[in-house]
Amino acid sequence: MSRRAFTQLKQAMVLAAVLVAPALAQTYPTKPIRMIVGSSPGGPIDFSARLVAQKLTEALGQSVVVDNRTGASGTIGTDYVAKSTPDGYTLLMASAATLCITPNIYPKIPYDTLKDFAPVTTATAVSYVLVVHPAVAAKTVPEFIALAKAKPGQLRFGSAGAGSVTHLGVELLKSMAGIDLVHVPYKGAGPAMIDLLGGQLDFMFDSLLTSTPLVKAGKLRALGQSGLKRSAILPDVPTIAESALPGFDVSTWFGLVAPAKTPRDIVVKLNQAAVKGLQNPATRERLLNQGIEPVGNSPEEFAKLLRTELPKWARVVKISGAKQD
């Protein structure tokens, strides 16, 4: 084939793709859709994913099935979607951790947040709560900081793993408060919580979803919320920013993404269905009752968030010293 013929064939293929994409979007979806979640069932990301999947199923007329693909701090499931066919049938409910924190800790991960994904919408956001075992002699964040200064290197905290939000949040607390705390990483927040309840740990940052029932049952004591505003689920618990450390803000979000090069019309169709579902009053109530804030924004707004969050968490990772080869 001559160079000219090859060029003409290539141009024809590009034109065909441009013409076919809108037609595909009009008929999409024609089969079930998988929504990958890079963590085990339970917890705010899985809760958010299942609720969004339900709303997409209702809006699109095809089943959206949640598929939990765990391992390597969520990167296995994330990489799977990055390398999937960009046809709208494989989606990812991603987290700030997998898209914006992990790339700053492990620069050799097999996906690129800004190049390998097509943002659909930020689905939900959550803040955390600093909870202590009842045996810890502190009832407020200032008292906790004073206790940590009196016992440097003695208070132990668990996390969902090195580099997780539950780890880096405490590292930021350490830096801002000038205290020395001992990190005990776990393979997930669940095992860490078991040891906290058993008294093997002194405290941890945990999601409002899992900690609130334990706080209300008297099994844990809540000292401060990690976001800039109080959650309605624990209205009497002040934020760390208002009680002790102005400007302290550790929160996270979960967002729906598709593989890069997914046709724009399909991304828009998914966005409209997801946002409509998140705006549903009953859906909002279910989320807020779990300490999860519904968001629902445009693909462009989600893309801007990704570009903002990557450097933000890079700074926190640098403070923590958690960066690895």
Protein backbone atom coordinates (compact mmCIF):
# COMPACT_ATOMS: atom_id res chain seq x y z
CA MET A 1 0.00 0.00 0.00
CA SER A 2 1.32 3.39 -0.97
CA ARG A 3 1.84 6.12 1.62
CA ARG A 4 -0.98 8.15 0.03
CA ALA A 5 -3.40 5.21 0.13
CA PHE A 6 -2.46 4.52 3.76
CA THR A 7 -3.10 8.16 4.69
CA GLN A 8 -6.49 8.09 2.95
CA LEU A 9 -7.43 4.86 4.75
CA LYS A 10 -6.42 6.32 8.11
CA GLN A 11 -8.48 9.47 7.49
CA ALA A 12 -11.47 7.34 6.50
CA MET A 13 -11.19 5.30 9.71
CA VAL A 14 -11.05 8.44 11.85
CA LEU A 15 -14.09 9.86 10.06
CA ALA A 16 -15.98 6.60 10.54
CA ALA A 17 -15.20 6.62 14.26
CA VAL A 18 -16.47 10.19 14.56
CA LEU A 19 -19.70 9.28 12.76
CA VAL A 20 -20.25 6.02 14.63
CA ALA A 21 -19.67 7.36 18.17
CA PRO A 22 -22.95 9.36 18.39
CA ALA A 23 -24.87 6.39 17.02
CA LEU A 24 -23.35 4.13 19.67
CA ALA A 25 -24.31 6.59 22.39
CA GLN A 26 -27.91 6.66 21.18
CA THR A 27 -28.27 2.90 21.58
CA TYR A 28 -25.99 2.60 24.64
CA PRO A 29 -26.25 0.55 26.75
CA THR A 30 -27.29 -2.69 25.08
CA LYS A 31 -25.87 -5.02 27.73
CA PRO A 32 -25.05 -5.01 31.47
CA ILE A 33 -22.39 -2.61 32.77
CA ARG A 34 -19.74 -3.43 35.36
CA MET A 35 -18.74 -0.90 37.97
CA ILE A 36 -15.39 -1.83 39.50
CA VAL A 37 -14.66 -0.97 43.13
CA GLY A 38 -11.08 -1.45 44.28
CA SER A 39 -11.99 -2.32 47.86
CA SER A 40 -13.94 -5.01 49.67
CA PRO A 41 -17.70 -4.73 50.30
CA GLY A 42 -18.71 -2.33 53.07
CA GLY A 43 -17.47 1.16 53.77
CA PRO A 44 -18.38 4.47 52.15
CA ILE A 45 -16.97 3.84 48.66
CA ASP A 46 -18.80 0.53 48.29
CA PHE A 47 -21.99 2.08 49.70
CA SER A 48 -21.70 4.98 47.24
CA ALA A 49 -20.98 2.66 44.32
CA ARG A 50 -23.97 0.43 44.98
CA LEU A 51 -26.32 3.37 45.33
CA VAL A 52 -25.05 4.98 42.11
CA ALA A 53 -25.20 1.61 40.33
CA GLN A 54 -28.84 1.26 41.37
CA LYS A 55 -29.68 4.71 40.00
CA LEU A 56 -27.83 4.06 36.74
CA THR A 57 -29.70 0.78 36.35
CA GLU A 58 -33.02 2.59 36.75
CA ALA A 59 -32.07 5.38 34.33
CA LEU A 60 -30.33 3.35 31.62
CA GLY A 61 -32.52 0.24 31.56
CA GLN A 62 -29.56 -2.14 31.89
CA SER A 63 -28.11 -3.76 34.99
CA VAL A 64 -25.08 -2.02 36.49
CA VAL A 65 -23.30 -4.62 38.59
CA VAL A 66 -20.73 -3.72 41.24
CA ASP A 67 -17.57 -5.83 41.00
CA ASN A 68 -15.20 -5.61 43.99
CA ARG A 69 -11.65 -6.15 42.71
CA THR A 70 -9.42 -5.70 45.73
CA GLY A 71 -5.68 -5.62 46.21
CA ALA A 72 -2.67 -3.31 46.23
CA SER A 73 -4.53 -0.44 47.92
CA GLY A 74 -7.11 -0.34 45.17
CA THR A 75 -4.65 -0.09 42.29
CA ILE A 76 -5.49 -3.53 40.86
CA GLY A 77 -9.09 -2.60 40.15
CA THR A 78 -8.10 0.88 39.03
CA ASP A 79 -5.52 -0.42 36.55
CA TYR A 80 -8.02 -2.98 35.26
CA VAL A 81 -10.40 -0.20 34.25
CA ALA A 82 -7.59 1.94 32.82
CA LYS A 83 -6.78 -0.89 30.40
CA SER A 84 -10.40 -1.85 29.61
CA THR A 85 -12.11 -1.23 26.29
CA PRO A 86 -13.40 2.38 26.25
CA ASP A 87 -16.97 1.49 25.34
CA GLY A 88 -18.83 2.49 28.51
CA TYR A 89 -19.35 -1.06 29.77
CA THR A 90 -16.56 -1.03 32.34
CA LEU A 91 -16.58 1.81 34.86
CA LEU A 92 -14.72 2.57 38.06
CA MET A 93 -15.92 4.07 41.30
CA ALA A 94 -12.58 5.62 42.14
CA SER A 95 -11.38 7.35 45.27
CA ALA A 96 -9.11 10.26 46.05
CA ALA A 97 -6.72 7.66 47.41
CA THR A 98 -6.34 5.61 44.23
CA LEU A 99 -6.33 8.53 41.78
CA CYS A 100 -4.53 11.29 43.71
CA ILE A 101 -2.70 9.90 46.74
CA THR A 102 -1.24 6.60 45.54
CA PRO A 103 0.35 8.15 42.41
CA ASN A 104 2.26 10.50 44.73
CA ILE A 105 3.49 7.63 46.89
CA TYR A 106 4.22 5.04 44.21
CA PRO A 107 5.33 6.91 41.07
CA LYS A 108 5.68 3.63 39.16
CA ILE A 109 2.03 2.57 39.38
CA PRO A 110 0.72 1.27 36.03
CA TYR A 111 -1.81 4.03 35.30
CA ASP A 112 -1.83 7.78 34.87
CA THR A 113 -4.72 9.58 36.56
CA LEU A 114 -4.97 12.41 34.05
CA LYS A 115 -4.28 10.39 30.88
CA ASP A 116 -5.94 7.01 31.43
CA PHE A 117 -9.42 7.99 32.60
CA ALA A 118 -12.42 9.94 31.39
CA PRO A 119 -14.00 11.66 34.42
CA VAL A 120 -17.79 11.23 34.62
CA THR A 121 -18.77 12.83 37.93
CA THR A 122 -17.70 13.24 41.52
CA ALA A 123 -20.33 11.09 43.21
CA THR A 124 -19.92 11.59 46.95
CA ALA A 125 -17.62 13.06 49.58
CA VAL A 126 -16.87 12.01 53.16
CA SER A 127 -14.96 13.37 56.08
CA TYR A 128 -13.48 11.36 58.91
CA VAL A 129 -13.66 11.42 62.66
CA LEU A 130 -10.85 11.08 65.19
CA VAL A 131 -11.99 8.29 67.51
CA VAL A 132 -10.19 6.97 70.60
CA HIS A 133 -10.58 3.90 72.76
CA PRO A 134 -12.52 4.78 75.94
CA ALA A 135 -9.39 4.08 78.01
CA VAL A 136 -7.57 7.04 76.42
CA ALA A 137 -7.59 9.97 78.86
CA ALA A 138 -8.76 12.63 76.40
CA LYS A 139 -12.24 13.93 75.65
CA THR A 140 -11.31 16.74 73.25
CA VAL A 141 -8.72 17.29 70.55
CA PRO A 142 -6.75 19.80 72.69
CA GLU A 143 -6.65 17.23 75.50
CA PHE A 144 -5.52 14.57 73.02
CA ILE A 145 -2.70 16.79 71.74
CA ALA A 146 -1.62 17.55 75.32
CA LEU A 147 -1.63 13.82 76.11
CA ALA A 148 0.45 13.03 73.01
CA LYS A 149 2.99 15.69 74.00
CA ALA A 150 3.19 14.23 77.49
CA LYS A 151 3.70 10.72 76.06
CA PRO A 152 5.73 11.15 72.86
CA GLY A 153 5.90 8.03 70.71
CA GLN A 154 3.50 6.10 72.93
CA LEU A 155 0.06 6.58 71.39
CA ARG A 156 -0.60 4.04 68.63
CA PHE A 157 -2.94 4.52 65.70
CA GLY A 158 -4.12 2.15 63.01
CA SER A 159 -4.87 2.89 59.38
CA ALA A 160 -6.22 1.23 56.26
CA GLY A 161 -2.61 1.02 55.05
CA ALA A 162 0.45 3.16 54.51
CA GLY A 163 -0.47 6.08 52.28
CA SER A 164 -4.20 5.78 52.88
CA VAL A 165 -6.25 8.83 53.84
CA THR A 166 -6.57 7.38 57.34
CA HIS A 167 -2.77 7.33 57.54
CA LEU A 168 -1.98 10.66 55.90
CA GLY A 169 -4.68 12.44 57.87
CA VAL A 170 -2.89 11.57 61.10
CA GLU A 171 0.46 12.51 59.57
CA LEU A 172 -0.97 15.97 58.86
CA LEU A 173 -2.26 16.10 62.44
CA LYS A 174 1.20 15.20 63.73
CA SER A 175 2.81 17.90 61.63
CA MET A 176 0.38 20.66 62.56
CA ALA A 177 0.23 19.78 66.27
CA GLY A 178 3.92 18.98 66.69
CA ILE A 179 3.34 15.55 68.24
CA ASP A 180 4.91 12.10 67.87
CA LEU A 181 2.54 9.19 67.22
CA VAL A 182 3.13 5.56 66.23
CA HIS A 183 1.61 4.28 62.99
CA VAL A 184 0.42 0.66 62.71
CA PRO A 185 -0.70 -0.04 59.11
CA TYR A 186 -3.33 -2.68 58.36
CA LYS A 187 -4.72 -4.25 55.22
CA GLY A 188 -7.93 -2.27 55.42
CA ALA A 189 -9.78 -0.18 57.97
CA GLY A 190 -11.81 -3.16 59.25
CA PRO A 191 -8.92 -5.03 60.91
CA ALA A 192 -7.62 -1.75 62.38
CA MET A 193 -11.02 -1.03 63.89
CA ILE A 194 -11.15 -4.49 65.47
CA ASP A 195 -7.85 -3.83 67.24
CA LEU A 196 -8.95 -0.35 68.29
CA LEU A 197 -12.08 -1.79 69.87
CA GLY A 198 -9.93 -4.43 71.55
CA GLY A 199 -7.58 -1.87 73.04
CA GLN A 200 -4.52 -2.84 71.00
CA LEU A 201 -4.62 0.65 69.44
CA ASP A 202 -5.32 4.00 71.06
CA PHE A 203 -7.02 5.88 68.23
CA MET A 204 -7.54 6.21 64.50
CA PHE A 205 -9.17 8.30 61.81
CA ASP A 206 -12.22 6.46 60.55
CA SER A 207 -15.19 7.16 58.33
CA LEU A 208 -18.35 8.49 59.92
CA LEU A 209 -20.22 5.59 58.31
CA THR A 210 -18.52 2.93 60.42
CA SER A 211 -17.60 4.88 63.54
CA THR A 212 -20.86 6.67 64.36
CA PRO A 213 -22.74 3.56 65.56
CA LEU A 214 -19.75 2.62 67.73
CA VAL A 215 -19.57 6.13 69.17
CA LYS A 216 -23.28 6.15 69.96
CA ALA A 217 -22.95 2.74 71.60
CA GLY A 218 -20.17 4.03 73.85
CA LYS A 219 -17.54 1.69 72.41
CA LEU A 220 -15.47 4.60 71.05
CA ARG A 221 -15.17 8.29 71.89
CA ALA A 222 -15.28 10.85 69.08
CA LEU A 223 -12.97 13.83 69.59
CA GLY A 224 -13.11 15.76 66.34
CA GLN A 225 -14.28 15.67 62.75
CA SER A 226 -11.68 16.01 60.01
CA GLY A 227 -13.51 18.24 57.52
CA LEU A 228 -14.06 21.99 57.60
CA LYS A 229 -17.69 21.67 58.64
CA ARG A 230 -19.52 19.40 61.05
CA SER A 231 -21.53 16.51 59.72
CA ALA A 232 -25.19 16.34 60.61
CA ILE A 233 -24.67 12.77 61.71
CA LEU A 234 -22.49 13.90 64.66
CA PRO A 235 -23.51 17.55 65.12
CA ASP A 236 -22.16 17.81 68.67
CA VAL A 237 -18.64 16.76 67.70
CA PRO A 238 -16.58 19.80 66.64
CA THR A 239 -14.16 19.82 63.74
CA ILE A 240 -10.48 19.60 64.49
CA ALA A 241 -10.09 22.93 62.72
CA GLU A 242 -12.49 24.75 65.03
CA SER A 243 -11.37 23.10 68.27
CA ALA A 244 -7.59 22.98 67.92
CA LEU A 245 -5.91 23.37 64.54
CA PRO A 246 -7.31 26.12 62.25
CA GLY A 247 -7.26 25.11 58.60
CA PHE A 248 -7.02 21.38 59.27
CA ASP A 249 -8.97 19.59 56.54
CA VAL A 250 -8.81 15.92 55.69
CA SER A 251 -11.68 14.63 53.61
CA THR A 252 -12.04 12.45 50.56
CA TRP A 253 -14.32 11.83 47.63
CA PHE A 254 -15.46 9.01 45.40
CA GLY A 255 -15.97 9.56 41.70
CA LEU A 256 -17.15 7.69 38.64
CA VAL A 257 -14.67 7.38 35.78
CA ALA A 258 -14.49 5.47 32.51
CA PRO A 259 -11.43 4.45 30.50
CA ALA A 260 -9.86 7.25 28.47
CA LYS A 261 -11.19 7.62 24.92
CA THR A 262 -14.68 6.54 25.96
CA PRO A 263 -16.96 8.40 23.49
CA ARG A 264 -17.95 11.80 24.80
CA ASP A 265 -21.66 11.15 24.23
CA ILE A 266 -21.49 8.05 26.42
CA VAL A 267 -19.69 9.97 29.17
CA VAL A 268 -22.39 12.66 29.04
CA LYS A 269 -25.15 10.05 29.15
CA LEU A 270 -23.59 8.41 32.21
CA ASN A 271 -23.07 11.81 33.84
CA GLN A 272 -26.67 12.88 33.38
CA ALA A 273 -28.01 9.60 34.76
CA ALA A 274 -25.67 9.60 37.77
CA VAL A 275 -26.24 13.25 38.68
CA LYS A 276 -30.01 12.85 38.41
CA GLY A 277 -29.83 9.86 40.73
CA LEU A 278 -27.66 11.71 43.26
CA GLN A 279 -30.11 14.63 43.27
CA ASN A 280 -33.02 12.34 44.13
CA PRO A 281 -34.29 13.35 47.62
CA ALA A 282 -34.52 9.76 48.86
CA THR A 283 -31.00 9.02 47.62
CA ARG A 284 -29.62 12.15 49.27
CA GLU A 285 -31.27 11.22 52.56
CA ARG A 286 -29.80 7.70 52.48
CA LEU A 287 -26.33 9.09 51.87
CA LEU A 288 -26.52 11.88 54.45
CA ASN A 289 -27.78 9.45 57.08
CA GLN A 290 -24.54 7.53 56.58
CA GLY A 291 -22.35 10.62 56.89
CA ILE A 292 -21.79 10.72 53.12
CA GLU A 293 -22.38 13.94 51.19
CA PRO A 294 -23.87 13.57 47.69
CA VAL A 295 -22.08 15.71 45.09
CA GLY A 296 -22.83 15.13 41.41
CA ASN A 297 -20.97 17.54 39.12
CA SER A 298 -19.94 17.81 35.47
CA PRO A 299 -17.10 15.86 33.85
CA GLU A 300 -15.20 19.15 33.53
CA GLU A 301 -15.60 19.97 37.21
CA PHE A 302 -14.44 16.48 38.19
CA ALA A 303 -11.42 16.82 35.87
CA LYS A 304 -10.55 20.13 37.56
CA LEU A 305 -10.80 18.45 40.97
CA LEU A 306 -8.32 15.79 39.87
CA ARG A 307 -5.86 18.44 38.70
CA THR A 308 -6.20 20.21 42.08
CA GLU A 309 -6.05 17.15 44.32
CA LEU A 310 -2.91 15.61 42.84
CA PRO A 311 -0.59 18.46 44.00
CA LYS A 312 -2.50 18.85 47.29
CA TRP A 313 -1.84 15.27 48.33
CA ALA A 314 1.71 15.49 47.00
CA ARG A 315 2.37 18.09 49.69
CA VAL A 316 0.85 15.91 52.43
CA VAL A 317 2.81 12.87 51.26
CA LYS A 318 6.00 14.94 51.39
CA ILE A 319 5.21 15.97 54.98
CA SER A 320 4.58 12.35 55.96
CA GLY A 321 7.67 10.93 54.26
CA ALA A 322 5.47 8.12 52.93
CA LYS A 323 6.83 8.27 49.35
CA GLN A 324 8.21 4.94 48.13
CA ASP A 325 9.98 3.68 45.01
